[in-house]
């Protein structure tokens, strides 16, 4: 299973912390960005791709935990 850090940040109030990015299936990223379809993150959240994560961006803790368990 191939995944990549993504896309739709969780919008947070300024005082609650930084936006979070999710892991989703790599092949679904371009489709969502072009067609506006929804993707499903490893943590189960669904959303359309609106932007890509930059190196060092915060990642959803649930997605990271699931992704790391696949790598073991």
PDB file of N, CA and C in Angstrom:
ATOM      1  N   UNK A   1       0.845  -1.161   0.000  1.00  0.00           N
ATOM      2  CA  UNK A   1       0.000   0.000   0.000  1.00  0.00           C
ATOM      3  C   UNK A   1       0.896   1.232   0.000  1.00  0.00           C
ATOM      4  N   UNK A   2       0.660   2.130  -0.922  1.00  0.00           N
ATOM      5  CA  UNK A   2       1.466   3.337  -1.024  1.00  0.00           C
ATOM      6  C   UNK A   2       0.678   4.528  -0.507  1.00  0.00           C
ATOM      7  N   UNK A   3       1.287   5.299   0.369  1.00  0.00           N
ATOM      8  CA  UNK A   3       0.631   6.490   0.904  1.00  0.00           C
ATOM      9  C   UNK A   3       1.572   7.677   0.817  1.00  0.00           C
ATOM     10  N   UNK A   4       1.014   8.840   0.941  1.00  0.00           N
ATOM     11  CA  UNK A   4       1.792  10.062   0.897  1.00  0.00           C
ATOM     12  C   UNK A   4       1.135  11.086   1.802  1.00  0.00           C
ATOM     13  N   UNK A   5       1.919  11.943   2.415  1.00  0.00           N
ATOM     14  CA  UNK A   5       1.360  12.985   3.270  1.00  0.00           C
ATOM     15  C   UNK A   5       0.625  13.983   2.395  1.00  0.00           C
ATOM     16  N   UNK A   6      -0.422  14.543   2.904  1.00  0.00           N
ATOM     17  CA  UNK A   6      -1.333  15.286   2.108  1.00  0.00           C
ATOM     18  C   UNK A   6      -1.875  16.517   2.693  1.00  0.00           C
ATOM     19  N   UNK A   7      -2.500  17.178   2.097  1.00  0.00           N
ATOM     20  CA  UNK A   7      -3.544  17.800   1.361  1.00  0.00           C
ATOM     21  C   UNK A   7      -4.328  18.748   2.211  1.00  0.00           C
ATOM     22  N   UNK A   8      -5.420  18.232   2.740  1.00  0.00           N
ATOM     23  CA  UNK A   8      -6.342  19.126   3.406  1.00  0.00           C
ATOM     24  C   UNK A   8      -5.939  19.291   4.860  1.00  0.00           C
ATOM     25  N   UNK A   9      -5.631  20.508   5.212  1.00  0.00           N
ATOM     26  CA  UNK A   9      -5.299  20.720   6.620  1.00  0.00           C
ATOM     27  C   UNK A   9      -6.564  20.725   7.467  1.00  0.00           C
ATOM     28  N   UNK A  10      -6.430  20.307   8.702  1.00  0.00           N
ATOM     29  CA  UNK A  10      -7.521  20.490   9.650  1.00  0.00           C
ATOM     30  C   UNK A  10      -7.445  21.944  10.066  1.00  0.00           C
ATOM     31  N   UNK A  11      -8.515  22.667   9.879  1.00  0.00           N
ATOM     32  CA  UNK A  11      -8.501  24.078  10.235  1.00  0.00           C
ATOM     33  C   UNK A  11      -8.650  24.212  11.736  1.00  0.00           C
ATOM     34  N   UNK A  12      -7.755  24.943  12.308  1.00  0.00           N
ATOM     35  CA  UNK A  12      -7.748  25.148  13.754  1.00  0.00           C
ATOM     36  C   UNK A  12      -7.798  26.643  14.033  1.00  0.00           C
ATOM     37  N   UNK A  13      -8.324  27.003  15.194  1.00  0.00           N
ATOM     38  CA  UNK A  13      -8.238  28.390  15.637  1.00  0.00           C
ATOM     39  C   UNK A  13      -6.775  28.700  15.917  1.00  0.00           C
ATOM     40  N   UNK A  14      -6.413  29.960  15.814  1.00  0.00           N
ATOM     41  CA  UNK A  14      -5.019  30.370  15.995  1.00  0.00           C
ATOM     42  C   UNK A  14      -4.452  29.926  17.340  1.00  0.00           C
ATOM     43  N   UNK A  15      -5.295  29.860  18.367  1.00  0.00           N
ATOM     44  CA  UNK A  15      -4.789  29.514  19.686  1.00  0.00           C
ATOM     45  C   UNK A  15      -4.776  28.015  19.973  1.00  0.00           C
ATOM     46  N   UNK A  16      -5.252  27.185  19.036  1.00  0.00           N
ATOM     47  CA  UNK A  16      -5.305  25.746  19.290  1.00  0.00           C
ATOM     48  C   UNK A  16      -4.152  24.985  18.649  1.00  0.00           C
ATOM     49  N   UNK A  17      -3.314  25.658  17.877  1.00  0.00           N
ATOM     50  CA  UNK A  17      -2.163  24.974  17.315  1.00  0.00           C
ATOM     51  C   UNK A  17      -2.154  24.963  15.804  1.00  0.00           C
ATOM     52  N   UNK A  18      -1.163  24.313  15.212  1.00  0.00           N
ATOM     53  CA  UNK A  18      -0.980  24.319  13.765  1.00  0.00           C
ATOM     54  C   UNK A  18      -1.960  23.400  13.051  1.00  0.00           C
ATOM     55  N   UNK A  19      -2.109  23.634  11.739  1.00  0.00           N
ATOM     56  CA  UNK A  19      -2.940  22.747  10.929  1.00  0.00           C
ATOM     57  C   UNK A  19      -2.250  21.394  10.793  1.00  0.00           C
ATOM     58  N   UNK A  20      -3.042  20.346  10.603  1.00  0.00           N
ATOM     59  CA  UNK A  20      -2.510  18.990  10.513  1.00  0.00           C
ATOM     60  C   UNK A  20      -2.784  18.435   9.121  1.00  0.00           C
ATOM     61  N   UNK A  21      -1.876  17.637   8.624  1.00  0.00           N
ATOM     62  CA  UNK A  21      -2.036  16.981   7.341  1.00  0.00           C
ATOM     63  C   UNK A  21      -2.202  15.484   7.566  1.00  0.00           C
ATOM     64  N   UNK A  22      -2.828  14.809   6.601  1.00  0.00           N
ATOM     65  CA  UNK A  22      -3.171  13.397   6.721  1.00  0.00           C
ATOM     66  C   UNK A  22      -2.452  12.565   5.669  1.00  0.00           C
ATOM     67  N   UNK A  23      -2.309  11.258   5.939  1.00  0.00           N
ATOM     68  CA  UNK A  23      -1.802  10.302   4.960  1.00  0.00           C
ATOM     69  C   UNK A  23      -2.986   9.741   4.177  1.00  0.00           C
ATOM     70  N   UNK A  24      -2.828   9.698   2.844  1.00  0.00           N
ATOM     71  CA  UNK A  24      -3.848   9.088   1.983  1.00  0.00           C
ATOM     72  C   UNK A  24      -3.147   8.260   0.904  1.00  0.00           C
ATOM     73  N   UNK A  25      -3.924   7.443   0.185  1.00  0.00           N
ATOM     74  CA  UNK A  25      -3.353   6.640  -0.899  1.00  0.00           C
ATOM     75  C   UNK A  25      -2.828   7.554  -1.998  1.00  0.00           C
ATOM     76  N   UNK A  26      -1.603   7.302  -2.405  1.00  0.00           N
ATOM     77  CA  UNK A  26      -0.903   8.145  -3.368  1.00  0.00           C
ATOM     78  C   UNK A  26      -1.673   8.309  -4.680  1.00  0.00           C
ATOM     79  N   UNK A  27      -2.253   7.217  -5.186  1.00  0.00           N
ATOM     80  CA  UNK A  27      -2.941   7.276  -6.479  1.00  0.00           C
ATOM     81  C   UNK A  27      -4.231   8.097  -6.438  1.00  0.00           C
ATOM     82  N   UNK A  28      -4.730   8.391  -5.269  1.00  0.00           N
ATOM     83  CA  UNK A  28      -5.974   9.159  -5.143  1.00  0.00           C
ATOM     84  C   UNK A  28      -5.735  10.668  -5.079  1.00  0.00           C
ATOM     85  N   UNK A  29      -4.497  11.087  -4.833  1.00  0.00           N
ATOM     86  CA  UNK A  29      -4.198  12.506  -4.654  1.00  0.00           C
ATOM     87  C   UNK A  29      -4.501  13.311  -5.913  1.00  0.00           C
ATOM     88  N   UNK A  30      -3.922  12.911  -7.042  1.00  0.00           N
ATOM     89  CA  UNK A  30      -4.113  13.662  -8.290  1.00  0.00           C
ATOM     90  C   UNK A  30      -5.580  13.653  -8.712  1.00  0.00           C
ATOM     91  N   UNK A  31      -6.224  12.495  -8.589  1.00  0.00           N
ATOM     92  CA  UNK A  31      -7.640  12.401  -8.958  1.00  0.00           C
ATOM     93  C   UNK A  31      -8.476  13.389  -8.153  1.00  0.00           C
ATOM     94  N   UNK A  32      -8.227  13.456  -6.865  1.00  0.00           N
ATOM     95  CA  UNK A  32      -8.979  14.364  -6.012  1.00  0.00           C
ATOM     96  C   UNK A  32      -8.686  15.823  -6.354  1.00  0.00           C
ATOM     97  N   UNK A  33      -7.416  16.134  -6.606  1.00  0.00           N
ATOM     98  CA  UNK A  33      -7.042  17.510  -6.921  1.00  0.00           C
ATOM     99  C   UNK A  33      -7.677  17.982  -8.222  1.00  0.00           C
ATOM    100  N   UNK A  34      -7.758  17.093  -9.216  1.00  0.00           N
ATOM    101  CA  UNK A  34      -8.309  17.458 -10.521  1.00  0.00           C
ATOM    102  C   UNK A  34      -9.829  17.383 -10.543  1.00  0.00           C
ATOM    103  N   UNK A  35     -10.374  16.285 -10.036  1.00  0.00           N
ATOM    104  CA  UNK A  35     -11.814  16.033 -10.138  1.00  0.00           C
ATOM    105  C   UNK A  35     -12.621  16.556  -8.945  1.00  0.00           C
ATOM    106  N   UNK A  36     -11.943  16.842  -7.855  1.00  0.00           N
ATOM    107  CA  UNK A  36     -12.649  17.312  -6.665  1.00  0.00           C
ATOM    108  C   UNK A  36     -13.289  16.199  -5.860  1.00  0.00           C
ATOM    109  N   UNK A  37     -12.906  14.950  -6.156  1.00  0.00           N
ATOM    110  CA  UNK A  37     -13.452  13.819  -5.405  1.00  0.00           C
ATOM    111  C   UNK A  37     -12.841  13.789  -4.007  1.00  0.00           C
ATOM    112  N   UNK A  38     -13.494  13.090  -3.114  1.00  0.00           N
ATOM    113  CA  UNK A  38     -12.999  12.982  -1.745  1.00  0.00           C
ATOM    114  C   UNK A  38     -12.026  11.829  -1.621  1.00  0.00           C
ATOM    115  N   UNK A  39     -11.036  11.991  -0.758  1.00  0.00           N
ATOM    116  CA  UNK A  39     -10.097  10.928  -0.416  1.00  0.00           C
ATOM    117  C   UNK A  39     -10.372  10.520   1.024  1.00  0.00           C
ATOM    118  N   UNK A  40      -9.910   9.315   1.379  1.00  0.00           N
ATOM    119  CA  UNK A  40     -10.065   8.828   2.746  1.00  0.00           C
ATOM    120  C   UNK A  40      -8.673   8.683   3.345  1.00  0.00           C
ATOM    121  N   UNK A  41      -8.422   9.392   4.433  1.00  0.00           N
ATOM    122  CA  UNK A  41      -7.129   9.321   5.124  1.00  0.00           C
ATOM    123  C   UNK A  41      -7.040   8.013   5.895  1.00  0.00           C
ATOM    124  N   UNK A  42      -5.834   7.636   6.284  1.00  0.00           N
ATOM    125  CA  UNK A  42      -5.651   6.419   7.066  1.00  0.00           C
ATOM    126  C   UNK A  42      -6.461   6.442   8.354  1.00  0.00           C
ATOM    127  N   UNK A  43      -6.652   7.631   8.920  1.00  0.00           N
ATOM    128  CA  UNK A  43      -7.405   7.742  10.169  1.00  0.00           C
ATOM    129  C   UNK A  43      -8.912   7.684   9.944  1.00  0.00           C
ATOM    130  N   UNK A  44      -9.351   7.662   8.680  1.00  0.00           N
ATOM    131  CA  UNK A  44     -10.774   7.558   8.375  1.00  0.00           C
ATOM    132  C   UNK A  44     -11.430   8.864   7.974  1.00  0.00           C
ATOM    133  N   UNK A  45     -10.748   9.981   8.112  1.00  0.00           N
ATOM    134  CA  UNK A  45     -11.339  11.265   7.730  1.00  0.00           C
ATOM    135  C   UNK A  45     -11.431  11.360   6.210  1.00  0.00           C
ATOM    136  N   UNK A  46     -12.524  11.925   5.705  1.00  0.00           N
ATOM    137  CA  UNK A  46     -12.696  12.108   4.268  1.00  0.00           C
ATOM    138  C   UNK A  46     -12.716  13.594   3.955  1.00  0.00           C
ATOM    139  N   UNK A  47     -12.094  13.953   2.807  1.00  0.00           N
ATOM    140  CA  UNK A  47     -11.996  15.351   2.393  1.00  0.00           C
ATOM    141  C   UNK A  47     -11.475  15.434   0.971  1.00  0.00           C
ATOM    142  N   UNK A  48     -11.715  16.558   0.275  1.00  0.00           N
ATOM    143  CA  UNK A  48     -11.095  16.755  -1.040  1.00  0.00           C
ATOM    144  C   UNK A  48      -9.684  17.306  -0.849  1.00  0.00           C
ATOM    145  N   UNK A  49      -8.792  16.988  -1.776  1.00  0.00           N
ATOM    146  CA  UNK A  49      -7.418  17.488  -1.718  1.00  0.00           C
ATOM    147  C   UNK A  49      -7.440  18.963  -2.091  1.00  0.00           C
ATOM    148  N   UNK A  50      -6.893  19.799  -1.222  1.00  0.00           N
ATOM    149  CA  UNK A  50      -6.846  21.230  -1.510  1.00  0.00           C
ATOM    150  C   UNK A  50      -5.431  21.783  -1.529  1.00  0.00           C
ATOM    151  N   UNK A  51      -4.503  21.124  -0.846  1.00  0.00           N
ATOM    152  CA  UNK A  51      -3.110  21.554  -0.890  1.00  0.00           C
ATOM    153  C   UNK A  51      -2.197  20.437  -0.425  1.00  0.00           C
ATOM    154  N   UNK A  52      -0.921  20.555  -0.796  1.00  0.00           N
ATOM    155  CA  UNK A  52       0.070  19.539  -0.438  1.00  0.00           C
ATOM    156  C   UNK A  52       0.860  19.986   0.786  1.00  0.00           C
ATOM    157  N   UNK A  53       1.269  19.036   1.568  1.00  0.00           N
ATOM    158  CA  UNK A  53       2.084  19.326   2.746  1.00  0.00           C
ATOM    159  C   UNK A  53       3.509  19.635   2.326  1.00  0.00           C
ATOM    160  N   UNK A  54       4.130  20.524   3.049  1.00  0.00           N
ATOM    161  CA  UNK A  54       5.542  20.835   2.834  1.00  0.00           C
ATOM    162  C   UNK A  54       6.356  20.035   3.838  1.00  0.00           C
ATOM    163  N   UNK A  55       7.624  19.777   3.532  1.00  0.00           N
ATOM    164  CA  UNK A  55       8.466  19.051   4.498  1.00  0.00           C
ATOM    165  C   UNK A  55       8.429  19.737   5.862  1.00  0.00           C
ATOM    166  N   UNK A  56       8.244  18.931   6.889  1.00  0.00           N
ATOM    167  CA  UNK A  56       8.191  19.457   8.240  1.00  0.00           C
ATOM    168  C   UNK A  56       6.805  19.855   8.708  1.00  0.00           C
ATOM    169  N   UNK A  57       5.803  19.720   7.835  1.00  0.00           N
ATOM    170  CA  UNK A  57       4.431  20.049   8.236  1.00  0.00           C
ATOM    171  C   UNK A  57       3.942  19.056   9.270  1.00  0.00           C
ATOM    172  N   UNK A  58       3.110  19.500  10.212  1.00  0.00           N
ATOM    173  CA  UNK A  58       2.595  18.569  11.222  1.00  0.00           C
ATOM    174  C   UNK A  58       1.645  17.551  10.595  1.00  0.00           C
ATOM    175  N   UNK A  59       1.743  16.306  11.063  1.00  0.00           N
ATOM    176  CA  UNK A  59       0.936  15.206  10.527  1.00  0.00           C
ATOM    177  C   UNK A  59      -0.045  14.740  11.593  1.00  0.00           C
ATOM    178  N   UNK A  60      -1.224  14.341  11.165  1.00  0.00           N
ATOM    179  CA  UNK A  60      -2.245  13.794  12.057  1.00  0.00           C
ATOM    180  C   UNK A  60      -1.635  12.630  12.852  1.00  0.00           C
ATOM    181  N   UNK A  61      -1.706  12.669  14.184  1.00  0.00           N
ATOM    182  CA  UNK A  61      -1.110  11.596  14.991  1.00  0.00           C
ATOM    183  C   UNK A  61      -1.698  10.217  14.707  1.00  0.00           C
ATOM    184  N   UNK A  62      -3.003  10.136  14.441  1.00  0.00           N
ATOM    185  CA  UNK A  62      -3.617   8.831  14.140  1.00  0.00           C
ATOM    186  C   UNK A  62      -3.085   8.286  12.821  1.00  0.00           C
ATOM    187  N   UNK A  63      -3.001   9.148  11.792  1.00  0.00           N
ATOM    188  CA  UNK A  63      -2.473   8.710  10.498  1.00  0.00           C
ATOM    189  C   UNK A  63      -1.028   8.231  10.643  1.00  0.00           C
ATOM    190  N   UNK A  64      -0.219   8.988  11.374  1.00  0.00           N
ATOM    191  CA  UNK A  64       1.190   8.626  11.550  1.00  0.00           C
ATOM    192  C   UNK A  64       1.331   7.289  12.258  1.00  0.00           C
ATOM    193  N   UNK A  65       0.539   7.063  13.277  1.00  0.00           N
ATOM    194  CA  UNK A  65       0.593   5.809  14.023  1.00  0.00           C
ATOM    195  C   UNK A  65       0.240   4.630  13.098  1.00  0.00           C
ATOM    196  N   UNK A  66      -0.802   4.773  12.297  1.00  0.00           N
ATOM    197  CA  UNK A  66      -1.227   3.714  11.373  1.00  0.00           C
ATOM    198  C   UNK A  66      -0.146   3.484  10.315  1.00  0.00           C
ATOM    199  N   UNK A  67       0.366   4.562   9.742  1.00  0.00           N
ATOM    200  CA  UNK A  67       1.398   4.450   8.717  1.00  0.00           C
ATOM    201  C   UNK A  67       2.640   3.752   9.253  1.00  0.00           C
ATOM    202  N   UNK A  68       3.076   4.147  10.453  1.00  0.00           N
ATOM    203  CA  UNK A  68       4.259   3.526  11.056  1.00  0.00           C
ATOM    204  C   UNK A  68       4.034   2.032  11.338  1.00  0.00           C
ATOM    205  N   UNK A  69       2.811   1.643  11.678  1.00  0.00           N
ATOM    206  CA  UNK A  69       2.532   0.230  11.932  1.00  0.00           C
ATOM    207  C   UNK A  69       2.621  -0.587  10.636  1.00  0.00           C
ATOM    208  N   UNK A  70       2.316   0.008   9.482  1.00  0.00           N
ATOM    209  CA  UNK A  70       2.452  -0.691   8.194  1.00  0.00           C
ATOM    210  C   UNK A  70       3.916  -0.899   7.830  1.00  0.00           C
ATOM    211  N   UNK A  71       4.766   0.035   8.218  1.00  0.00           N
ATOM    212  CA  UNK A  71       6.178  -0.015   7.851  1.00  0.00           C
ATOM    213  C   UNK A  71       6.927  -1.083   8.644  1.00  0.00           C
ATOM    214  N   UNK A  72       6.404  -1.511   9.778  1.00  0.00           N
ATOM    215  CA  UNK A  72       7.087  -2.502  10.613  1.00  0.00           C
ATOM    216  C   UNK A  72       6.919  -3.863  10.097  1.00  0.00           C
TER     217      UNK A  72
END
